Amino acid sequence: MTKHSTSENGRFYDIGAGILEFMSRYLSIKRRDVTAQEPLELYHKELSANCKNIKTTNLPFLEMNEDTKYAVIYADSVFEHVANPLEYIFKSAKLLETGRVLYFISLNENSFVKYFLTLLNKKNNYIHYLSPYVFPYHLIGFSKRSIEIAANHSGLKLIKYIRRYDYLWFHILKKAFNPLKYLASVFLFIADLFGFEANLEIIMKKVKE
């Protein structure tokens, strides 16, 4: 991540850090200026109690003061849960220093899992879009084209688009014995091999004001 930024120094902002804040903890060891944001009050209290060496906040991201600029803005499994992800990307562009990056992990709209669940829900007369009303309440997914459009309209440049294995096939194998789990695991493994993984890693750089 830092190799795509002009420097390893600068402020780091973690959107929706939850209570685990893995990236924030890691970068705080590297002596970055780290802020972990968690808007849910219950999670924020636990985050603050567990992270004495990291600044924490529950201020909604879209309400942040734009006078303070950041070297890296990071969001792991956040943008698929909000109804307005473009606003989050545009806000990130305003908060980044020139040459610095927005790095986020989200859902691959072209994944095998998405296609399978869509067919399953259509069979039940329910128009499915990444389980918007089923835990964990995914509202939207991304494709390379949609990411490119978002980058172009926000003043950012897409510099890295990576499809990642989610190893769902492996987790299914660990479940209780069921002959169907082996068939499902084979299909999911093949989907991973052909680029239909469920996860994406996206890096966008701010190239100019």
N, C-alpha and C. Protein backbone atom coordinates (compact mmCIF):
# COMPACT_ATOMS: atom_id res chain seq x y z
N MET A 1 0.83 -1.21 0.00
CA MET A 1 0.00 0.00 0.00
C MET A 1 0.87 1.26 0.00
N THR A 2 1.85 1.34 0.90
CA THR A 2 2.64 2.55 1.02
C THR A 2 3.54 2.77 -0.19
N LYS A 3 3.85 1.72 -0.95
CA LYS A 3 4.71 1.91 -2.12
C LYS A 3 4.01 2.72 -3.20
N HIS A 4 2.68 2.82 -3.14
CA HIS A 4 1.93 3.61 -4.10
C HIS A 4 1.75 5.05 -3.65
N SER A 5 2.16 5.35 -2.44
CA SER A 5 2.09 6.71 -1.94
C SER A 5 3.46 7.36 -2.10
N THR A 6 3.50 8.68 -2.11
CA THR A 6 4.77 9.36 -2.35
C THR A 6 5.71 9.26 -1.16
N SER A 7 5.20 8.85 -0.02
CA SER A 7 6.03 8.72 1.17
C SER A 7 5.35 7.80 2.17
N GLU A 8 6.14 7.21 3.04
CA GLU A 8 5.56 6.37 4.09
C GLU A 8 5.13 7.21 5.29
N ASN A 9 5.43 8.49 5.27
CA ASN A 9 5.03 9.37 6.35
C ASN A 9 3.64 9.94 6.08
N GLY A 10 3.07 10.57 7.09
CA GLY A 10 1.77 11.20 6.91
C GLY A 10 0.69 10.52 7.72
N ARG A 11 -0.49 11.12 7.67
CA ARG A 11 -1.61 10.63 8.47
C ARG A 11 -2.31 9.46 7.77
N PHE A 12 -2.76 8.52 8.60
CA PHE A 12 -3.50 7.34 8.11
C PHE A 12 -4.88 7.37 8.75
N TYR A 13 -5.92 7.14 7.93
CA TYR A 13 -7.30 7.15 8.44
C TYR A 13 -7.98 5.85 8.06
N ASP A 14 -8.53 5.16 9.05
CA ASP A 14 -9.17 3.86 8.87
C ASP A 14 -10.68 4.04 9.02
N ILE A 15 -11.43 3.92 7.91
CA ILE A 15 -12.89 4.09 7.94
C ILE A 15 -13.54 2.80 8.41
N GLY A 16 -14.42 2.90 9.40
CA GLY A 16 -15.16 1.72 9.86
C GLY A 16 -14.25 0.65 10.41
N ALA A 17 -13.39 1.03 11.34
CA ALA A 17 -12.38 0.10 11.87
C ALA A 17 -12.98 -1.03 12.68
N GLY A 18 -14.21 -0.87 13.17
CA GLY A 18 -14.81 -1.91 14.01
C GLY A 18 -14.09 -2.02 15.33
N ILE A 19 -14.00 -3.23 15.87
CA ILE A 19 -13.32 -3.43 17.15
C ILE A 19 -12.00 -4.18 16.97
N LEU A 20 -11.66 -4.54 15.73
CA LEU A 20 -10.46 -5.34 15.49
C LEU A 20 -9.28 -4.48 15.02
N GLU A 21 -9.57 -3.48 14.17
CA GLU A 21 -8.60 -2.47 13.74
C GLU A 21 -7.21 -3.04 13.41
N PHE A 22 -7.14 -4.14 12.65
CA PHE A 22 -5.86 -4.78 12.34
C PHE A 22 -4.89 -3.82 11.65
N MET A 23 -5.36 -3.13 10.61
CA MET A 23 -4.48 -2.25 9.85
C MET A 23 -4.01 -1.08 10.70
N SER A 24 -4.92 -0.51 11.50
CA SER A 24 -4.53 0.62 12.36
C SER A 24 -3.47 0.20 13.37
N ARG A 25 -3.63 -0.97 13.97
CA ARG A 25 -2.64 -1.46 14.93
C ARG A 25 -1.29 -1.67 14.25
N TYR A 26 -1.32 -2.26 13.06
CA TYR A 26 -0.07 -2.53 12.34
C TYR A 26 0.67 -1.24 12.01
N LEU A 27 -0.05 -0.26 11.49
CA LEU A 27 0.60 0.98 11.09
C LEU A 27 1.01 1.83 12.28
N SER A 28 0.32 1.68 13.41
CA SER A 28 0.74 2.43 14.59
C SER A 28 2.11 1.93 15.08
N ILE A 29 2.40 0.65 14.86
CA ILE A 29 3.72 0.10 15.18
C ILE A 29 4.78 0.74 14.30
N LYS A 30 4.39 1.08 13.06
CA LYS A 30 5.30 1.73 12.12
C LYS A 30 5.43 3.23 12.40
N ARG A 31 4.81 3.69 13.49
CA ARG A 31 4.88 5.08 13.95
C ARG A 31 4.20 6.04 13.00
N ARG A 32 3.13 5.60 12.40
CA ARG A 32 2.30 6.52 11.63
C ARG A 32 1.38 7.28 12.57
N ASP A 33 0.88 8.40 12.06
CA ASP A 33 -0.18 9.15 12.75
C ASP A 33 -1.49 8.48 12.34
N VAL A 34 -2.06 7.66 13.23
CA VAL A 34 -3.18 6.80 12.88
C VAL A 34 -4.47 7.24 13.58
N THR A 35 -5.56 7.31 12.81
CA THR A 35 -6.88 7.54 13.36
C THR A 35 -7.81 6.42 12.91
N ALA A 36 -8.44 5.76 13.86
CA ALA A 36 -9.39 4.69 13.56
C ALA A 36 -10.80 5.22 13.81
N GLN A 37 -11.65 5.16 12.78
CA GLN A 37 -13.01 5.68 12.89
C GLN A 37 -13.99 4.53 12.97
N GLU A 38 -14.92 4.62 13.91
CA GLU A 38 -16.00 3.63 14.02
C GLU A 38 -17.27 4.37 14.41
N PRO A 39 -18.27 4.47 13.50
CA PRO A 39 -19.45 5.28 13.78
C PRO A 39 -20.42 4.68 14.79
N LEU A 40 -20.44 3.35 14.95
CA LEU A 40 -21.35 2.74 15.91
C LEU A 40 -20.83 2.96 17.32
N GLU A 41 -21.65 3.55 18.16
CA GLU A 41 -21.21 3.96 19.49
C GLU A 41 -20.70 2.78 20.32
N LEU A 42 -21.41 1.64 20.28
CA LEU A 42 -21.01 0.48 21.07
C LEU A 42 -19.62 0.00 20.66
N TYR A 43 -19.38 -0.12 19.36
CA TYR A 43 -18.08 -0.55 18.87
C TYR A 43 -17.01 0.50 19.14
N HIS A 44 -17.39 1.77 19.04
CA HIS A 44 -16.42 2.83 19.27
C HIS A 44 -15.91 2.82 20.70
N LYS A 45 -16.79 2.56 21.65
CA LYS A 45 -16.37 2.50 23.06
C LYS A 45 -15.36 1.38 23.27
N GLU A 46 -15.63 0.22 22.67
CA GLU A 46 -14.69 -0.90 22.81
C GLU A 46 -13.39 -0.61 22.09
N LEU A 47 -13.49 0.03 20.93
CA LEU A 47 -12.30 0.41 20.17
C LEU A 47 -11.43 1.35 20.98
N SER A 48 -12.03 2.35 21.59
CA SER A 48 -11.28 3.33 22.38
C SER A 48 -10.63 2.68 23.60
N ALA A 49 -11.36 1.74 24.22
CA ALA A 49 -10.83 1.08 25.42
C ALA A 49 -9.64 0.19 25.09
N ASN A 50 -9.65 -0.40 23.90
CA ASN A 50 -8.59 -1.35 23.53
C ASN A 50 -7.40 -0.72 22.82
N CYS A 51 -7.54 0.52 22.39
CA CYS A 51 -6.50 1.14 21.54
C CYS A 51 -6.00 2.44 22.16
N LYS A 52 -5.15 2.31 23.13
CA LYS A 52 -4.64 3.49 23.82
C LYS A 52 -3.62 4.26 22.98
N ASN A 53 -2.95 3.57 22.02
CA ASN A 53 -1.92 4.23 21.22
C ASN A 53 -2.43 4.69 19.86
N ILE A 54 -3.76 4.62 19.65
CA ILE A 54 -4.36 5.01 18.38
C ILE A 54 -5.46 6.02 18.66
N LYS A 55 -5.51 7.08 17.86
CA LYS A 55 -6.61 8.03 17.98
C LYS A 55 -7.88 7.39 17.43
N THR A 56 -8.99 7.57 18.11
CA THR A 56 -10.26 7.00 17.66
C THR A 56 -11.31 8.10 17.57
N THR A 57 -12.29 7.86 16.71
CA THR A 57 -13.38 8.82 16.55
C THR A 57 -14.63 8.09 16.08
N ASN A 58 -15.79 8.64 16.44
CA ASN A 58 -17.05 8.11 15.92
C ASN A 58 -17.75 9.13 15.04
N LEU A 59 -17.03 10.18 14.65
CA LEU A 59 -17.57 11.19 13.75
C LEU A 59 -17.86 10.56 12.38
N PRO A 60 -19.07 10.71 11.84
CA PRO A 60 -19.36 10.17 10.51
C PRO A 60 -18.34 10.67 9.48
N PHE A 61 -17.89 9.78 8.63
CA PHE A 61 -16.82 10.10 7.68
C PHE A 61 -17.18 11.28 6.79
N LEU A 62 -18.41 11.33 6.33
CA LEU A 62 -18.81 12.39 5.41
C LEU A 62 -18.88 13.76 6.08
N GLU A 63 -18.82 13.79 7.41
CA GLU A 63 -18.87 15.05 8.14
C GLU A 63 -17.49 15.55 8.54
N MET A 64 -16.44 14.87 8.11
CA MET A 64 -15.08 15.26 8.50
C MET A 64 -14.69 16.62 7.94
N ASN A 65 -13.93 17.37 8.75
CA ASN A 65 -13.38 18.65 8.32
C ASN A 65 -12.32 18.40 7.24
N GLU A 66 -12.41 19.09 6.13
CA GLU A 66 -11.51 18.85 5.02
C GLU A 66 -10.21 19.64 5.09
N ASP A 67 -10.01 20.36 6.19
CA ASP A 67 -8.75 21.10 6.35
C ASP A 67 -7.58 20.17 6.64
N THR A 68 -7.85 19.05 7.31
CA THR A 68 -6.81 18.07 7.63
C THR A 68 -6.70 17.08 6.48
N LYS A 69 -5.47 16.87 5.99
CA LYS A 69 -5.24 15.98 4.86
C LYS A 69 -4.52 14.71 5.31
N TYR A 70 -4.70 13.65 4.53
CA TYR A 70 -4.20 12.33 4.89
C TYR A 70 -3.34 11.73 3.78
N ALA A 71 -2.41 10.88 4.19
CA ALA A 71 -1.55 10.17 3.23
C ALA A 71 -2.25 8.91 2.72
N VAL A 72 -2.97 8.23 3.59
CA VAL A 72 -3.68 7.00 3.23
C VAL A 72 -5.04 7.00 3.91
N ILE A 73 -6.08 6.72 3.14
CA ILE A 73 -7.41 6.46 3.68
C ILE A 73 -7.75 5.02 3.33
N TYR A 74 -8.15 4.26 4.33
CA TYR A 74 -8.31 2.81 4.20
C TYR A 74 -9.71 2.40 4.64
N ALA A 75 -10.33 1.50 3.89
CA ALA A 75 -11.65 0.99 4.27
C ALA A 75 -11.73 -0.49 3.90
N ASP A 76 -11.87 -1.32 4.90
CA ASP A 76 -11.97 -2.77 4.68
C ASP A 76 -13.42 -3.20 4.91
N SER A 77 -14.09 -3.65 3.84
CA SER A 77 -15.47 -4.14 3.92
C SER A 77 -16.41 -3.08 4.49
N VAL A 78 -16.32 -1.88 3.90
CA VAL A 78 -17.16 -0.76 4.33
C VAL A 78 -18.08 -0.29 3.21
N PHE A 79 -17.53 -0.04 2.03
CA PHE A 79 -18.27 0.63 0.97
C PHE A 79 -19.46 -0.18 0.45
N GLU A 80 -19.44 -1.51 0.60
CA GLU A 80 -20.58 -2.30 0.16
C GLU A 80 -21.76 -2.20 1.13
N HIS A 81 -21.52 -1.60 2.31
CA HIS A 81 -22.58 -1.49 3.32
C HIS A 81 -23.27 -0.13 3.31
N VAL A 82 -22.77 0.82 2.52
CA VAL A 82 -23.35 2.16 2.51
C VAL A 82 -24.13 2.38 1.22
N ALA A 83 -25.19 3.18 1.31
CA ALA A 83 -26.04 3.41 0.14
C ALA A 83 -25.45 4.42 -0.84
N ASN A 84 -24.40 5.13 -0.40
CA ASN A 84 -23.82 6.20 -1.21
C ASN A 84 -22.29 6.07 -1.30
N PRO A 85 -21.76 4.96 -1.80
CA PRO A 85 -20.31 4.77 -1.82
C PRO A 85 -19.57 5.84 -2.63
N LEU A 86 -20.22 6.39 -3.67
CA LEU A 86 -19.55 7.44 -4.45
C LEU A 86 -19.24 8.66 -3.59
N GLU A 87 -20.13 8.99 -2.67
CA GLU A 87 -19.88 10.13 -1.78
C GLU A 87 -18.67 9.86 -0.90
N TYR A 88 -18.48 8.61 -0.49
CA TYR A 88 -17.32 8.25 0.32
C TYR A 88 -16.03 8.38 -0.49
N ILE A 89 -16.09 7.98 -1.75
CA ILE A 89 -14.91 8.09 -2.62
C ILE A 89 -14.60 9.56 -2.90
N PHE A 90 -15.63 10.37 -3.19
CA PHE A 90 -15.42 11.80 -3.44
C PHE A 90 -14.86 12.49 -2.20
N LYS A 91 -15.39 12.13 -1.03
CA LYS A 91 -14.91 12.72 0.23
C LYS A 91 -13.45 12.33 0.46
N SER A 92 -13.11 11.09 0.17
CA SER A 92 -11.72 10.64 0.32
C SER A 92 -10.79 11.46 -0.55
N ALA A 93 -11.23 11.74 -1.79
CA ALA A 93 -10.40 12.54 -2.70
C ALA A 93 -10.12 13.92 -2.12
N LYS A 94 -11.11 14.51 -1.46
CA LYS A 94 -10.93 15.83 -0.87
C LYS A 94 -10.01 15.79 0.34
N LEU A 95 -9.97 14.65 1.03
CA LEU A 95 -9.17 14.55 2.26
C LEU A 95 -7.74 14.09 2.01
N LEU A 96 -7.46 13.59 0.82
CA LEU A 96 -6.11 13.08 0.53
C LEU A 96 -5.17 14.20 0.10
N GLU A 97 -3.91 14.05 0.48
CA GLU A 97 -2.85 14.90 -0.08
C GLU A 97 -2.57 14.43 -1.50
N THR A 98 -2.08 15.33 -2.33
CA THR A 98 -1.73 14.96 -3.70
C THR A 98 -0.65 13.87 -3.69
N GLY A 99 -0.85 12.84 -4.50
CA GLY A 99 0.10 11.74 -4.56
C GLY A 99 -0.17 10.64 -3.55
N ARG A 100 -1.21 10.81 -2.72
CA ARG A 100 -1.52 9.81 -1.70
C ARG A 100 -2.71 8.96 -2.13
N VAL A 101 -3.05 7.94 -1.34
CA VAL A 101 -3.93 6.90 -1.86
C VAL A 101 -5.15 6.59 -0.98
N LEU A 102 -6.22 6.20 -1.68
CA LEU A 102 -7.39 5.56 -1.07
C LEU A 102 -7.26 4.06 -1.36
N TYR A 103 -7.28 3.27 -0.32
CA TYR A 103 -7.13 1.81 -0.46
C TYR A 103 -8.34 1.17 0.19
N PHE A 104 -9.16 0.46 -0.60
CA PHE A 104 -10.31 -0.18 0.02
C PHE A 104 -10.53 -1.59 -0.51
N ILE A 105 -11.14 -2.39 0.35
CA ILE A 105 -11.46 -3.79 0.05
C ILE A 105 -12.98 -3.90 0.02
N SER A 106 -13.51 -4.51 -1.04
CA SER A 106 -14.96 -4.60 -1.15
C SER A 106 -15.34 -5.83 -1.97
N LEU A 107 -16.61 -5.90 -2.36
CA LEU A 107 -17.13 -7.07 -3.06
C LEU A 107 -16.95 -6.98 -4.56
N ASN A 108 -16.70 -8.11 -5.17
CA ASN A 108 -16.62 -8.23 -6.62
C ASN A 108 -18.02 -8.52 -7.16
N GLU A 109 -18.60 -7.57 -7.88
CA GLU A 109 -19.95 -7.73 -8.42
C GLU A 109 -20.00 -8.88 -9.43
N ASN A 110 -18.87 -9.21 -10.03
CA ASN A 110 -18.82 -10.28 -11.03
C ASN A 110 -18.35 -11.61 -10.43
N SER A 111 -18.64 -11.83 -9.18
CA SER A 111 -18.19 -13.05 -8.52
C SER A 111 -19.19 -14.19 -8.71
N PHE A 112 -18.70 -15.40 -8.59
CA PHE A 112 -19.56 -16.58 -8.71
C PHE A 112 -20.62 -16.58 -7.60
N VAL A 113 -20.21 -16.22 -6.40
CA VAL A 113 -21.15 -16.21 -5.27
C VAL A 113 -22.31 -15.27 -5.54
N LYS A 114 -22.01 -14.11 -6.11
CA LYS A 114 -23.06 -13.14 -6.43
C LYS A 114 -24.04 -13.72 -7.45
N TYR A 115 -23.52 -14.33 -8.52
CA TYR A 115 -24.39 -14.90 -9.54
C TYR A 115 -25.27 -16.02 -8.97
N PHE A 116 -24.67 -16.86 -8.13
CA PHE A 116 -25.41 -17.97 -7.55
C PHE A 116 -26.54 -17.48 -6.65
N LEU A 117 -26.25 -16.52 -5.79
CA LEU A 117 -27.27 -16.00 -4.88
C LEU A 117 -28.37 -15.26 -5.64
N THR A 118 -28.00 -14.60 -6.72
CA THR A 118 -29.00 -13.92 -7.54
C THR A 118 -29.99 -14.91 -8.12
N LEU A 119 -29.48 -16.01 -8.68
CA LEU A 119 -30.36 -17.04 -9.23
C LEU A 119 -31.23 -17.67 -8.15
N LEU A 120 -30.63 -17.90 -6.99
CA LEU A 120 -31.36 -18.51 -5.89
C LEU A 120 -32.52 -17.63 -5.44
N ASN A 121 -32.27 -16.35 -5.32
CA ASN A 121 -33.31 -15.44 -4.85
C ASN A 121 -34.37 -15.16 -5.91
N LYS A 122 -33.98 -15.17 -7.18
CA LYS A 122 -34.97 -14.99 -8.24
C LYS A 122 -35.93 -16.18 -8.28
N LYS A 123 -35.42 -17.34 -7.97
CA LYS A 123 -36.27 -18.54 -7.91
C LYS A 123 -37.34 -18.37 -6.85
N ASN A 124 -37.01 -17.63 -5.80
CA ASN A 124 -37.96 -17.40 -4.71
C ASN A 124 -38.73 -16.08 -4.89
N ASN A 125 -38.75 -15.58 -6.15
CA ASN A 125 -39.48 -14.35 -6.48
C ASN A 125 -38.99 -13.14 -5.69
N TYR A 126 -37.69 -13.10 -5.47
CA TYR A 126 -37.10 -11.96 -4.75
C TYR A 126 -35.91 -11.46 -5.56
N ILE A 127 -35.94 -10.20 -5.96
CA ILE A 127 -34.85 -9.65 -6.77
C ILE A 127 -33.66 -9.41 -5.84
N HIS A 128 -32.63 -10.19 -6.08
CA HIS A 128 -31.49 -10.17 -5.17
C HIS A 128 -30.40 -9.23 -5.66
N TYR A 129 -29.86 -8.43 -4.76
CA TYR A 129 -28.68 -7.63 -5.09
C TYR A 129 -27.72 -7.67 -3.92
N LEU A 130 -26.93 -8.71 -3.87
CA LEU A 130 -25.94 -8.89 -2.81
C LEU A 130 -26.56 -8.81 -1.42
N SER A 131 -27.69 -9.49 -1.25
CA SER A 131 -28.34 -9.63 0.06
C SER A 131 -28.54 -8.30 0.79
N PRO A 132 -29.27 -7.34 0.21
CA PRO A 132 -29.40 -6.05 0.88
C PRO A 132 -30.13 -6.10 2.20
N TYR A 133 -31.00 -7.10 2.39
CA TYR A 133 -31.76 -7.15 3.63
C TYR A 133 -31.46 -8.40 4.44
N VAL A 134 -30.33 -9.00 4.17
CA VAL A 134 -29.90 -10.19 4.89
C VAL A 134 -28.50 -9.92 5.44
N PHE A 135 -28.24 -10.28 6.66
CA PHE A 135 -26.94 -10.05 7.27
C PHE A 135 -25.83 -10.56 6.35
N PRO A 136 -24.76 -9.80 6.12
CA PRO A 136 -24.40 -8.52 6.77
C PRO A 136 -24.82 -7.28 5.99
N TYR A 137 -25.97 -7.32 5.34
CA TYR A 137 -26.57 -6.14 4.73
C TYR A 137 -25.69 -5.49 3.66
N HIS A 138 -25.28 -6.26 2.70
CA HIS A 138 -24.53 -5.73 1.57
C HIS A 138 -25.50 -5.03 0.62
N LEU A 139 -25.23 -3.78 0.32
CA LEU A 139 -26.10 -3.00 -0.54
C LEU A 139 -25.63 -2.93 -1.97
N ILE A 140 -24.32 -3.09 -2.20
CA ILE A 140 -23.78 -2.86 -3.52
C ILE A 140 -22.47 -3.62 -3.71
N GLY A 141 -22.16 -3.92 -4.96
CA GLY A 141 -20.88 -4.52 -5.29
C GLY A 141 -20.20 -3.69 -6.35
N PHE A 142 -18.95 -3.98 -6.64
CA PHE A 142 -18.18 -3.19 -7.60
C PHE A 142 -17.61 -4.07 -8.70
N SER A 143 -17.48 -3.49 -9.88
CA SER A 143 -16.76 -4.11 -10.99
C SER A 143 -15.63 -3.18 -11.37
N LYS A 144 -14.74 -3.65 -12.24
CA LYS A 144 -13.64 -2.79 -12.66
C LYS A 144 -14.15 -1.55 -13.35
N ARG A 145 -15.19 -1.70 -14.18
CA ARG A 145 -15.74 -0.56 -14.89
C ARG A 145 -16.32 0.48 -13.94
N SER A 146 -17.08 0.03 -12.95
CA SER A 146 -17.68 0.98 -12.02
C SER A 146 -16.61 1.70 -11.20
N ILE A 147 -15.53 0.99 -10.86
CA ILE A 147 -14.44 1.61 -10.12
C ILE A 147 -13.74 2.66 -10.98
N GLU A 148 -13.53 2.37 -12.25
CA GLU A 148 -12.89 3.33 -13.16
C GLU A 148 -13.73 4.59 -13.29
N ILE A 149 -15.04 4.43 -13.40
CA ILE A 149 -15.93 5.59 -13.51
C ILE A 149 -15.87 6.43 -12.23
N ALA A 150 -15.91 5.75 -11.08
CA ALA A 150 -15.83 6.46 -9.79
C ALA A 150 -14.52 7.23 -9.67
N ALA A 151 -13.43 6.60 -10.08
CA ALA A 151 -12.12 7.25 -10.00
C ALA A 151 -12.07 8.49 -10.89
N ASN A 152 -12.53 8.36 -12.12
CA ASN A 152 -12.48 9.47 -13.07
C ASN A 152 -13.30 10.66 -12.61
N HIS A 153 -14.45 10.41 -12.00
CA HIS A 153 -15.33 11.49 -11.59
C HIS A 153 -14.91 12.12 -10.26
N SER A 154 -14.04 11.47 -9.53
CA SER A 154 -13.64 11.98 -8.21
C SER A 154 -12.27 12.66 -8.23
N GLY A 155 -11.59 12.63 -9.38
CA GLY A 155 -10.25 13.22 -9.46
C GLY A 155 -9.16 12.28 -9.00
N LEU A 156 -9.48 10.99 -8.88
CA LEU A 156 -8.49 9.99 -8.49
C LEU A 156 -8.10 9.15 -9.70
N LYS A 157 -6.99 8.46 -9.60
CA LYS A 157 -6.54 7.58 -10.67
C LYS A 157 -6.48 6.16 -10.15
N LEU A 158 -7.15 5.23 -10.84
CA LEU A 158 -7.10 3.83 -10.45
C LEU A 158 -5.74 3.26 -10.82
N ILE A 159 -4.99 2.81 -9.81
CA ILE A 159 -3.66 2.28 -10.09
C ILE A 159 -3.52 0.80 -9.75
N LYS A 160 -4.48 0.25 -9.03
CA LYS A 160 -4.41 -1.17 -8.70
C LYS A 160 -5.82 -1.72 -8.52
N TYR A 161 -6.10 -2.82 -9.25
CA TYR A 161 -7.39 -3.50 -9.16
C TYR A 161 -7.07 -4.99 -9.07
N ILE A 162 -7.29 -5.57 -7.89
CA ILE A 162 -6.87 -6.95 -7.64
C ILE A 162 -8.07 -7.76 -7.19
N ARG A 163 -8.32 -8.88 -7.87
CA ARG A 163 -9.34 -9.83 -7.42
C ARG A 163 -8.67 -10.81 -6.48
N ARG A 164 -9.30 -11.05 -5.33
CA ARG A 164 -8.70 -11.88 -4.29
C ARG A 164 -9.54 -13.11 -4.00
N TYR A 165 -8.85 -14.22 -3.79
CA TYR A 165 -9.54 -15.42 -3.31
C TYR A 165 -10.14 -15.13 -1.94
N ASP A 166 -11.32 -15.67 -1.72
CA ASP A 166 -11.87 -15.58 -0.36
C ASP A 166 -11.86 -16.94 0.33
N TYR A 167 -11.41 -18.00 -0.41
CA TYR A 167 -11.27 -19.35 0.15
C TYR A 167 -12.55 -19.87 0.76
N LEU A 168 -13.69 -19.46 0.18
CA LEU A 168 -14.97 -19.96 0.68
C LEU A 168 -15.07 -21.47 0.52
N TRP A 169 -14.47 -21.98 -0.56
CA TRP A 169 -14.49 -23.43 -0.79
C TRP A 169 -13.83 -24.19 0.35
N PHE A 170 -12.78 -23.61 0.93
CA PHE A 170 -12.07 -24.25 2.04
C PHE A 170 -12.91 -24.23 3.31
N HIS A 171 -13.59 -23.12 3.55
CA HIS A 171 -14.42 -23.01 4.76
C HIS A 171 -15.61 -23.97 4.70
N ILE A 172 -16.14 -24.18 3.50
CA ILE A 172 -17.24 -25.14 3.36
C ILE A 172 -16.77 -26.55 3.70
N LEU A 173 -15.56 -26.90 3.32
CA LEU A 173 -15.03 -28.23 3.61
C LEU A 173 -14.93 -28.49 5.11
N LYS A 174 -14.79 -27.44 5.90
CA LYS A 174 -14.65 -27.61 7.34
C LYS A 174 -15.98 -27.83 8.05
N LYS A 175 -17.07 -27.68 7.32
CA LYS A 175 -18.39 -27.85 7.93
C LYS A 175 -18.69 -29.34 8.17
N ALA A 176 -19.78 -29.57 8.90
CA ALA A 176 -20.18 -30.94 9.22
C ALA A 176 -20.38 -31.75 7.93
N PHE A 177 -20.29 -33.08 8.05
CA PHE A 177 -20.34 -33.93 6.86
C PHE A 177 -21.65 -33.75 6.10
N ASN A 178 -21.49 -33.50 4.82
CA ASN A 178 -22.61 -33.39 3.89
C ASN A 178 -22.06 -33.63 2.50
N PRO A 179 -22.54 -34.63 1.79
CA PRO A 179 -21.98 -34.94 0.46
C PRO A 179 -22.00 -33.75 -0.49
N LEU A 180 -22.99 -32.86 -0.35
CA LEU A 180 -23.10 -31.73 -1.25
C LEU A 180 -21.99 -30.70 -1.05
N LYS A 181 -21.39 -30.70 0.14
CA LYS A 181 -20.37 -29.70 0.40
C LYS A 181 -19.16 -29.90 -0.51
N TYR A 182 -18.88 -31.13 -0.90
CA TYR A 182 -17.73 -31.39 -1.77
C TYR A 182 -17.99 -30.85 -3.17
N LEU A 183 -19.21 -31.02 -3.65
CA LEU A 183 -19.56 -30.48 -4.96
C LEU A 183 -19.50 -28.96 -4.95
N ALA A 184 -20.04 -28.35 -3.88
CA ALA A 184 -20.02 -26.90 -3.76
C ALA A 184 -18.58 -26.38 -3.69
N SER A 185 -17.72 -27.09 -2.98
CA SER A 185 -16.33 -26.68 -2.84
C SER A 185 -15.61 -26.70 -4.18
N VAL A 186 -15.88 -27.72 -4.98
CA VAL A 186 -15.26 -27.82 -6.31
C VAL A 186 -15.67 -26.64 -7.18
N PHE A 187 -16.97 -26.31 -7.19
CA PHE A 187 -17.44 -25.19 -7.99
C PHE A 187 -16.79 -23.88 -7.55
N LEU A 188 -16.72 -23.66 -6.25
CA LEU A 188 -16.14 -22.42 -5.73
C LEU A 188 -14.64 -22.35 -6.01
N PHE A 189 -13.96 -23.47 -5.93
CA PHE A 189 -12.52 -23.51 -6.22
C PHE A 189 -12.27 -23.15 -7.69
N ILE A 190 -13.08 -23.70 -8.59
CA ILE A 190 -12.95 -23.39 -10.02
C ILE A 190 -13.25 -21.91 -10.27
N ALA A 191 -14.25 -21.39 -9.57
CA ALA A 191 -14.59 -19.97 -9.72
C ALA A 191 -13.41 -19.09 -9.34
N ASP A 192 -12.72 -19.44 -8.27
CA ASP A 192 -11.52 -18.70 -7.87
C ASP A 192 -10.45 -18.75 -8.96
N LEU A 193 -10.24 -19.93 -9.53
CA LEU A 193 -9.21 -20.10 -10.55
C LEU A 193 -9.48 -19.25 -11.79
N PHE A 194 -10.77 -19.05 -12.13
CA PHE A 194 -11.12 -18.31 -13.34
C PHE A 194 -11.44 -16.84 -13.09
N GLY A 195 -11.07 -16.35 -11.91
CA GLY A 195 -11.20 -14.92 -11.67
C GLY A 195 -12.55 -14.45 -11.19
N PHE A 196 -13.36 -15.33 -10.64
CA PHE A 196 -14.67 -14.94 -10.13
C PHE A 196 -14.67 -14.94 -8.60
N GLU A 197 -13.55 -14.49 -8.02
CA GLU A 197 -13.46 -14.42 -6.57
C GLU A 197 -14.44 -13.37 -6.03
N ALA A 198 -14.74 -13.46 -4.75
CA ALA A 198 -15.76 -12.57 -4.18
C ALA A 198 -15.20 -11.23 -3.73
N ASN A 199 -13.89 -11.10 -3.59
CA ASN A 199 -13.32 -9.89 -3.00
C ASN A 199 -12.46 -9.11 -3.99
N LEU A 200 -12.41 -7.79 -3.78
CA LEU A 200 -11.57 -6.90 -4.58
C LEU A 200 -10.71 -6.06 -3.65
N GLU A 201 -9.49 -5.76 -4.10
CA GLU A 201 -8.65 -4.76 -3.46
C GLU A 201 -8.42 -3.65 -4.47
N ILE A 202 -8.74 -2.42 -4.05
CA ILE A 202 -8.69 -1.27 -4.95
C ILE A 202 -7.76 -0.21 -4.36
N ILE A 203 -6.86 0.31 -5.22
CA ILE A 203 -6.01 1.42 -4.81
C ILE A 203 -6.17 2.54 -5.82
N MET A 204 -6.55 3.72 -5.33
CA MET A 204 -6.68 4.91 -6.15
C MET A 204 -5.74 5.98 -5.62
N LYS A 205 -5.12 6.71 -6.53
CA LYS A 205 -4.18 7.76 -6.13
C LYS A 205 -4.73 9.12 -6.53
N LYS A 206 -4.54 10.10 -5.63
CA LYS A 206 -4.89 11.48 -5.97
C LYS A 206 -3.75 12.08 -6.76
N VAL A 207 -4.02 12.41 -8.00
CA VAL A 207 -2.94 12.86 -8.87
C VAL A 207 -2.83 14.39 -8.94
N LYS A 208 -3.92 15.09 -8.60
CA LYS A 208 -3.87 16.55 -8.60
C LYS A 208 -5.01 17.11 -7.75
N GLU A 209 -4.88 18.38 -7.38
CA GLU A 209 -5.95 19.05 -6.61
C GLU A 209 -7.16 19.31 -7.50
